[in-house]
């Protein structure tokens, strides 16, 4: 069983949907998940010319990819191993997914669009 995400739009809606759900269940905890986005912060650190910025970025990417590939081997996830090189890009987009979960009021689920109002799904469009 897998998730069918054939297009970037499908992937985007799926990611925002899950972040919206997490935010609704635990708003404070979800807010602080921003601190878990190591790659984007390492990129920001490197491009500002901070001391050891590029080694920090390289180390962050190696740690991120290394743990993901290790988990993929452990879980026998062949697709994860084949596509490990996409992780830094996914991590960079993750900041925008995180932001969208606060700004977007529509939820797309199973072919239907729902609207969020005051933290609750109230109607179908």
C-alpha atoms as a PDB file:
ATOM      1  CA  UNK A   1       0.000   0.000   0.000  1.00  0.00           C
ATOM      2  CA  UNK A   2       1.302   3.441  -0.833  1.00  0.00           C
ATOM      3  CA  UNK A   3       0.324   7.034  -1.257  1.00  0.00           C
ATOM      4  CA  UNK A   4      -0.442   8.094  -4.820  1.00  0.00           C
ATOM      5  CA  UNK A   5       1.119  11.493  -5.271  1.00  0.00           C
ATOM      6  CA  UNK A   6       1.526  11.786  -9.010  1.00  0.00           C
ATOM      7  CA  UNK A   7       2.062  15.537  -9.257  1.00  0.00           C
ATOM      8  CA  UNK A   8       3.711  18.275  -7.237  1.00  0.00           C
ATOM      9  CA  UNK A   9       0.221  19.654  -6.490  1.00  0.00           C
ATOM     10  CA  UNK A  10      -0.865  16.286  -5.052  1.00  0.00           C
ATOM     11  CA  UNK A  11       2.263  16.173  -2.888  1.00  0.00           C
ATOM     12  CA  UNK A  12       1.767  19.768  -1.744  1.00  0.00           C
ATOM     13  CA  UNK A  13      -1.884  19.249  -0.753  1.00  0.00           C
ATOM     14  CA  UNK A  14      -0.968  16.045   1.094  1.00  0.00           C
ATOM     15  CA  UNK A  15       1.833  17.719   3.057  1.00  0.00           C
ATOM     16  CA  UNK A  16      -0.236  20.788   3.960  1.00  0.00           C
ATOM     17  CA  UNK A  17      -3.166  18.552   4.963  1.00  0.00           C
ATOM     18  CA  UNK A  18      -1.027  16.628   7.448  1.00  0.00           C
ATOM     19  CA  UNK A  19       0.568  19.762   8.861  1.00  0.00           C
ATOM     20  CA  UNK A  20      -2.875  21.355   9.258  1.00  0.00           C
ATOM     21  CA  UNK A  21      -4.083  18.286  11.143  1.00  0.00           C
ATOM     22  CA  UNK A  22      -1.053  18.296  13.415  1.00  0.00           C
ATOM     23  CA  UNK A  23      -1.465  22.029  14.058  1.00  0.00           C
ATOM     24  CA  UNK A  24      -5.147  21.609  14.951  1.00  0.00           C
ATOM     25  CA  UNK A  25      -4.433  18.800  17.409  1.00  0.00           C
ATOM     26  CA  UNK A  26      -1.433  20.430  19.100  1.00  0.00           C
ATOM     27  CA  UNK A  27      -1.013  24.100  18.102  1.00  0.00           C
ATOM     28  CA  UNK A  28       1.824  24.927  20.501  1.00  0.00           C
ATOM     29  CA  UNK A  29       3.779  21.767  19.797  1.00  0.00           C
ATOM     30  CA  UNK A  30       3.343  22.181  16.064  1.00  0.00           C
ATOM     31  CA  UNK A  31       4.482  25.801  16.184  1.00  0.00           C
ATOM     32  CA  UNK A  32       7.799  24.688  17.693  1.00  0.00           C
ATOM     33  CA  UNK A  33       8.364  22.020  15.031  1.00  0.00           C
ATOM     34  CA  UNK A  34       9.889  24.879  13.049  1.00  0.00           C
ATOM     35  CA  UNK A  35      13.009  24.192  15.110  1.00  0.00           C
ATOM     36  CA  UNK A  36      13.278  20.728  13.542  1.00  0.00           C
ATOM     37  CA  UNK A  37      13.880  22.108  10.048  1.00  0.00           C
ATOM     38  CA  UNK A  38      17.672  21.799  10.116  1.00  0.00           C
ATOM     39  CA  UNK A  39      18.468  22.049   6.403  1.00  0.00           C
ATOM     40  CA  UNK A  40      16.744  25.399   5.745  1.00  0.00           C
ATOM     41  CA  UNK A  41      18.311  26.932   8.853  1.00  0.00           C
ATOM     42  CA  UNK A  42      21.725  25.572   7.860  1.00  0.00           C
ATOM     43  CA  UNK A  43      21.285  27.105   4.381  1.00  0.00           C
ATOM     44  CA  UNK A  44      20.375  30.440   5.953  1.00  0.00           C
ATOM     45  CA  UNK A  45      23.385  30.187   8.267  1.00  0.00           C
ATOM     46  CA  UNK A  46      25.733  29.400   5.371  1.00  0.00           C
ATOM     47  CA  UNK A  47      24.528  32.115   2.995  1.00  0.00           C
ATOM     48  CA  UNK A  48      24.842  34.816   5.664  1.00  0.00           C
ATOM     49  CA  UNK A  49      28.586  34.188   5.744  1.00  0.00           C
ATOM     50  CA  UNK A  50      28.580  32.898   9.300  1.00  0.00           C
ATOM     51  CA  UNK A  51      31.741  31.192  10.557  1.00  0.00           C
ATOM     52  CA  UNK A  52      31.947  27.592   9.330  1.00  0.00           C
ATOM     53  CA  UNK A  53      28.630  28.117   7.515  1.00  0.00           C
ATOM     54  CA  UNK A  54      29.303  25.805   4.578  1.00  0.00           C
ATOM     55  CA  UNK A  55      30.700  22.951   6.709  1.00  0.00           C
ATOM     56  CA  UNK A  56      27.634  23.284   8.973  1.00  0.00           C
ATOM     57  CA  UNK A  57      25.373  23.042   5.913  1.00  0.00           C
ATOM     58  CA  UNK A  58      27.258  20.044   4.540  1.00  0.00           C
ATOM     59  CA  UNK A  59      27.201  18.320   7.928  1.00  0.00           C
ATOM     60  CA  UNK A  60      23.474  18.959   8.306  1.00  0.00           C
ATOM     61  CA  UNK A  61      22.718  17.512   4.871  1.00  0.00           C
ATOM     62  CA  UNK A  62      24.949  14.474   5.518  1.00  0.00           C
ATOM     63  CA  UNK A  63      23.252  13.848   8.865  1.00  0.00           C
ATOM     64  CA  UNK A  64      19.769  14.237   7.355  1.00  0.00           C
ATOM     65  CA  UNK A  65      20.417  12.028   4.337  1.00  0.00           C
ATOM     66  CA  UNK A  66      22.397   9.509   6.394  1.00  0.00           C
ATOM     67  CA  UNK A  67      19.650   8.969   8.949  1.00  0.00           C
ATOM     68  CA  UNK A  68      17.000   8.742   6.219  1.00  0.00           C
ATOM     69  CA  UNK A  69      18.984   6.211   4.180  1.00  0.00           C
ATOM     70  CA  UNK A  70      19.766   4.216   7.341  1.00  0.00           C
ATOM     71  CA  UNK A  71      16.081   4.125   8.262  1.00  0.00           C
ATOM     72  CA  UNK A  72      15.170   3.167   4.700  1.00  0.00           C
ATOM     73  CA  UNK A  73      17.578   0.213   4.819  1.00  0.00           C
ATOM     74  CA  UNK A  74      16.246  -0.824   8.225  1.00  0.00           C
ATOM     75  CA  UNK A  75      12.642  -0.608   7.005  1.00  0.00           C
ATOM     76  CA  UNK A  76      13.514  -2.144   3.612  1.00  0.00           C
ATOM     77  CA  UNK A  77      12.072   0.907   1.857  1.00  0.00           C
ATOM     78  CA  UNK A  78      13.512   0.644  -1.648  1.00  0.00           C
ATOM     79  CA  UNK A  79      11.772   3.802  -2.901  1.00  0.00           C
ATOM     80  CA  UNK A  80      13.206   5.794  -0.006  1.00  0.00           C
ATOM     81  CA  UNK A  81      16.708   4.615  -0.849  1.00  0.00           C
ATOM     82  CA  UNK A  82      16.289   5.435  -4.553  1.00  0.00           C
ATOM     83  CA  UNK A  83      15.026   8.955  -3.856  1.00  0.00           C
ATOM     84  CA  UNK A  84      17.217   9.947  -0.903  1.00  0.00           C
ATOM     85  CA  UNK A  85      18.802  12.733  -2.954  1.00  0.00           C
ATOM     86  CA  UNK A  86      15.460  14.600  -2.917  1.00  0.00           C
ATOM     87  CA  UNK A  87      15.483  15.035   0.872  1.00  0.00           C
ATOM     88  CA  UNK A  88      17.329  18.369   1.063  1.00  0.00           C
ATOM     89  CA  UNK A  89      14.844  19.839  -1.437  1.00  0.00           C
ATOM     90  CA  UNK A  90      11.913  18.399   0.487  1.00  0.00           C
ATOM     91  CA  UNK A  91      13.329  19.876   3.673  1.00  0.00           C
ATOM     92  CA  UNK A  92      13.633  23.310   2.071  1.00  0.00           C
ATOM     93  CA  UNK A  93      10.019  23.115   0.884  1.00  0.00           C
ATOM     94  CA  UNK A  94       9.001  21.957   4.372  1.00  0.00           C
ATOM     95  CA  UNK A  95       9.308  25.506   5.693  1.00  0.00           C
ATOM     96  CA  UNK A  96       6.738  26.648   3.135  1.00  0.00           C
ATOM     97  CA  UNK A  97       4.456  23.709   3.951  1.00  0.00           C
ATOM     98  CA  UNK A  98       4.718  24.656   7.631  1.00  0.00           C
ATOM     99  CA  UNK A  99       3.786  28.267   6.821  1.00  0.00           C
ATOM    100  CA  UNK A 100       0.916  27.183   4.552  1.00  0.00           C
ATOM    101  CA  UNK A 101      -0.573  25.133   7.380  1.00  0.00           C
ATOM    102  CA  UNK A 102      -1.103  28.417   9.260  1.00  0.00           C
ATOM    103  CA  UNK A 103      -2.244  30.494   6.295  1.00  0.00           C
ATOM    104  CA  UNK A 104      -4.400  28.115   4.256  1.00  0.00           C
ATOM    105  CA  UNK A 105      -8.017  27.691   5.312  1.00  0.00           C
ATOM    106  CA  UNK A 106      -8.947  25.016   2.781  1.00  0.00           C
ATOM    107  CA  UNK A 107      -8.330  21.323   3.338  1.00  0.00           C
ATOM    108  CA  UNK A 108      -8.375  18.984   0.365  1.00  0.00           C
ATOM    109  CA  UNK A 109      -9.240  15.432   1.380  1.00  0.00           C
ATOM    110  CA  UNK A 110     -10.403  12.490  -0.728  1.00  0.00           C
ATOM    111  CA  UNK A 111     -11.372  14.642  -3.672  1.00  0.00           C
ATOM    112  CA  UNK A 112     -13.342  17.186  -1.637  1.00  0.00           C
ATOM    113  CA  UNK A 113     -12.439  20.637  -0.377  1.00  0.00           C
ATOM    114  CA  UNK A 114     -13.280  21.488   3.231  1.00  0.00           C
ATOM    115  CA  UNK A 115     -13.024  24.874   4.935  1.00  0.00           C
ATOM    116  CA  UNK A 116     -11.420  25.524   8.305  1.00  0.00           C
ATOM    117  CA  UNK A 117     -13.060  28.082  10.557  1.00  0.00           C
ATOM    118  CA  UNK A 118     -11.967  28.660  14.146  1.00  0.00           C
ATOM    119  CA  UNK A 119      -9.949  25.458  14.147  1.00  0.00           C
ATOM    120  CA  UNK A 120     -12.786  23.222  12.946  1.00  0.00           C
ATOM    121  CA  UNK A 121     -13.865  21.776   9.615  1.00  0.00           C
ATOM    122  CA  UNK A 122     -17.258  23.365   9.130  1.00  0.00           C
ATOM    123  CA  UNK A 123     -18.404  22.949   5.568  1.00  0.00           C
ATOM    124  CA  UNK A 124     -17.695  21.357   2.229  1.00  0.00           C
ATOM    125  CA  UNK A 125     -17.299  23.503  -0.847  1.00  0.00           C
END
